[in-house]
Amino acid sequence: MSSEREADRDASTEPRWLDAAEKEAWTGLISMALLMPGRLEAPLHQESGLTLFEYMTLSQISEAPGRVIRMSELAYLTNGSLSRLSNVVKRLEQRGLVTRSPDPADGRYTLATLTSSGYELLVAAAPVHLRAVRELVLDPLSKADRRALARIAAKLRTRPSDYHQDAR
């Protein structure tokens, strides 16, 4: 009986190898995940000096009411951990693009506010980013492909486990 349990245990720890279709799907996804950020970031960084994550951060703040948002909500929207976001916002703050302050409604939270300089940079960078997104992602796809991509992304999207914590 112990040999049966050992065989069951061995079978459960054996890797489930990918078949050809699974391997094609996986290698396609990982290639895209590794290549696309750099391709989207290069023109943005060249024209505006922003990384893709910095651009996404500024963009999310710009869409918030009054261009003010809690850091915890911003981490959720940018799919970034609070520690990463805090470091990025600190750099943006040093450049005069964002300010941080305690939330007057609840001092446990920190607010990020887009400055007028940050908004001006974002407005200037937006067409560059939009051209890259269209050229590299959207235009090569049909409407059906775009719907499928959105559906697949929604299924695979995960959030950092610490987005509920407040950035200091």
Protein backbone atom coordinates (compact mmCIF):
# COMPACT_ATOMS: atom_id res chain seq x y z
CA MET A 1 0.00 0.00 0.00
CA SER A 2 2.82 2.39 0.76
CA SER A 3 4.18 1.88 -2.77
CA GLU A 4 0.74 2.93 -4.16
CA ARG A 5 0.85 6.12 -2.09
CA GLU A 6 4.39 6.80 -3.26
CA ALA A 7 3.29 6.27 -6.89
CA ASP A 8 0.32 8.65 -6.36
CA ARG A 9 2.61 11.20 -4.75
CA ASP A 10 5.11 10.91 -7.61
CA ALA A 11 2.32 11.28 -10.20
CA SER A 12 1.01 14.43 -8.51
CA THR A 13 4.48 16.02 -8.48
CA GLU A 14 5.24 15.17 -12.11
CA PRO A 15 5.08 18.24 -14.32
CA ARG A 16 2.19 18.47 -16.74
CA TRP A 17 4.23 18.96 -19.92
CA LEU A 18 2.86 21.31 -22.53
CA ASP A 19 1.45 19.92 -25.73
CA ALA A 20 2.28 21.69 -29.01
CA ALA A 21 -0.73 24.04 -28.89
CA GLU A 22 -0.11 24.94 -25.23
CA LYS A 23 3.58 25.57 -25.94
CA GLU A 24 2.69 27.81 -28.87
CA ALA A 25 0.24 29.80 -26.70
CA TRP A 26 2.72 30.08 -23.82
CA THR A 27 5.75 31.07 -25.90
CA GLY A 28 3.63 33.60 -27.81
CA LEU A 29 2.41 35.18 -24.59
CA ILE A 30 5.80 35.30 -22.88
CA SER A 31 7.50 36.67 -26.00
CA MET A 32 4.89 39.41 -26.19
CA ALA A 33 5.17 40.12 -22.46
CA LEU A 34 8.94 40.46 -22.67
CA LEU A 35 9.16 42.40 -25.93
CA MET A 36 6.15 44.73 -25.88
CA PRO A 37 7.01 46.95 -22.87
CA GLY A 38 10.37 47.92 -24.38
CA ARG A 39 8.85 48.57 -27.78
CA LEU A 40 6.13 50.77 -26.25
CA GLU A 41 8.56 52.53 -23.94
CA ALA A 42 11.32 53.41 -26.41
CA PRO A 43 9.53 56.21 -28.32
CA LEU A 44 7.94 57.48 -25.11
CA HIS A 45 11.27 57.68 -23.31
CA GLN A 46 13.00 59.24 -26.31
CA GLU A 47 10.37 61.98 -26.74
CA SER A 48 9.37 62.70 -23.13
CA GLY A 49 11.91 61.04 -20.83
CA LEU A 50 9.17 58.91 -19.29
CA THR A 51 9.18 55.19 -18.73
CA LEU A 52 6.04 53.29 -19.67
CA PHE A 53 5.16 52.81 -15.99
CA GLU A 54 5.68 56.53 -15.29
CA TYR A 55 3.42 57.39 -18.22
CA MET A 56 0.73 54.97 -17.02
CA THR A 57 1.00 56.44 -13.52
CA LEU A 58 0.60 60.03 -14.74
CA SER A 59 -2.24 58.97 -17.03
CA GLN A 60 -4.17 57.31 -14.20
CA ILE A 61 -3.76 60.36 -11.96
CA SER A 62 -4.93 62.62 -14.80
CA GLU A 63 -8.15 60.64 -15.13
CA ALA A 64 -8.99 60.87 -11.40
CA PRO A 65 -11.40 63.58 -10.23
CA GLY A 66 -9.41 66.77 -9.66
CA ARG A 67 -6.31 64.86 -10.82
CA VAL A 68 -5.93 63.55 -7.25
CA ILE A 69 -5.93 59.88 -6.25
CA ARG A 70 -5.03 57.72 -3.27
CA MET A 71 -1.76 55.88 -3.72
CA SER A 72 -3.44 52.56 -2.90
CA GLU A 73 -5.99 53.08 -5.69
CA LEU A 74 -3.23 54.19 -8.05
CA ALA A 75 -1.28 50.99 -7.31
CA TYR A 76 -4.37 48.98 -8.15
CA LEU A 77 -4.96 50.86 -11.42
CA THR A 78 -1.34 50.64 -12.57
CA ASN A 79 -0.95 46.98 -11.54
CA GLY A 80 2.08 47.98 -9.51
CA SER A 81 3.04 47.15 -5.98
CA LEU A 82 2.85 50.02 -3.52
CA SER A 83 6.60 49.92 -2.99
CA ARG A 84 7.31 50.19 -6.74
CA LEU A 85 4.68 52.89 -7.15
CA SER A 86 6.03 54.82 -4.17
CA ASN A 87 9.51 54.83 -5.73
CA VAL A 88 8.17 55.95 -9.10
CA VAL A 89 5.99 58.68 -7.60
CA LYS A 90 8.97 59.86 -5.54
CA ARG A 91 10.96 60.30 -8.78
CA LEU A 92 8.01 62.05 -10.44
CA GLU A 93 7.70 64.28 -7.39
CA GLN A 94 11.40 65.20 -7.61
CA ARG A 95 10.79 66.24 -11.22
CA GLY A 96 7.86 68.45 -10.19
CA LEU A 97 5.29 66.29 -11.99
CA VAL A 98 3.39 64.96 -8.96
CA THR A 99 2.95 65.95 -5.33
CA ARG A 100 2.09 63.70 -2.40
CA SER A 101 0.17 64.68 0.70
CA PRO A 102 -1.84 63.05 3.50
CA ASP A 103 -5.49 62.48 2.65
CA PRO A 104 -7.43 65.09 4.68
CA ALA A 105 -10.41 62.71 4.85
CA ASP A 106 -8.27 59.94 6.33
CA GLY A 107 -4.67 60.64 7.25
CA ARG A 108 -3.78 56.95 6.97
CA TYR A 109 -3.79 57.38 3.18
CA THR A 110 -1.50 59.33 0.90
CA LEU A 111 -2.80 61.31 -2.07
CA ALA A 112 -0.94 61.75 -5.34
CA THR A 113 -1.76 64.95 -7.23
CA LEU A 114 -0.77 65.70 -10.81
CA THR A 115 0.88 69.11 -11.09
CA SER A 116 0.33 71.43 -14.05
CA SER A 117 3.84 70.53 -15.27
CA GLY A 118 2.98 66.85 -15.00
CA TYR A 119 -0.22 67.37 -16.95
CA GLU A 120 1.60 69.34 -19.66
CA LEU A 121 4.20 66.58 -20.03
CA LEU A 122 1.48 63.95 -20.17
CA VAL A 123 -0.42 65.86 -22.86
CA ALA A 124 2.78 66.16 -24.92
CA ALA A 125 3.63 62.46 -24.44
CA ALA A 126 0.14 61.12 -25.17
CA PRO A 127 0.31 61.28 -28.99
CA VAL A 128 3.68 59.48 -28.98
CA HIS A 129 2.28 56.74 -26.75
CA LEU A 130 -0.92 56.49 -28.75
CA ARG A 131 0.99 56.09 -32.03
CA ALA A 132 3.04 53.25 -30.54
CA VAL A 133 -0.04 51.52 -29.08
CA ARG A 134 -1.85 51.74 -32.40
CA GLU A 135 1.13 50.66 -34.50
CA LEU A 136 2.35 47.84 -32.28
CA VAL A 137 -0.84 46.51 -30.69
CA LEU A 138 -4.18 47.63 -32.07
CA ASP A 139 -3.79 48.23 -35.80
CA PRO A 140 -2.39 44.76 -36.63
CA LEU A 141 -5.50 43.19 -35.01
CA SER A 142 -9.03 42.84 -36.34
CA LYS A 143 -11.99 43.91 -34.20
CA ALA A 144 -12.51 40.25 -33.28
CA ASP A 145 -8.82 39.93 -32.34
CA ARG A 146 -9.06 43.04 -30.12
CA ARG A 147 -12.14 41.65 -28.37
CA ALA A 148 -10.35 38.31 -27.88
CA LEU A 149 -7.24 40.07 -26.56
CA ALA A 150 -9.33 42.07 -24.07
CA ARG A 151 -11.14 38.91 -22.96
CA ILE A 152 -7.89 36.95 -22.55
CA ALA A 153 -6.16 39.82 -20.73
CA ALA A 154 -9.08 40.09 -18.30
CA LYS A 155 -8.79 36.38 -17.51
CA LEU A 156 -5.03 36.49 -17.00
CA ARG A 157 -4.71 39.85 -15.26
CA THR A 158 -3.60 39.64 -11.67
CA ARG A 159 -3.18 42.36 -9.10
CA PRO A 160 -0.25 42.74 -6.73
CA SER A 161 -1.11 41.23 -3.38
CA ASP A 162 -0.15 44.36 -1.48
CA TYR A 163 -2.19 46.97 -3.41
CA HIS A 164 -4.49 47.48 -0.40
CA GLN A 165 -1.64 48.76 1.74
CA ASP A 166 -0.95 52.46 1.77
CA ALA A 167 2.23 53.87 0.26
CA ARG A 168 4.03 56.12 2.66
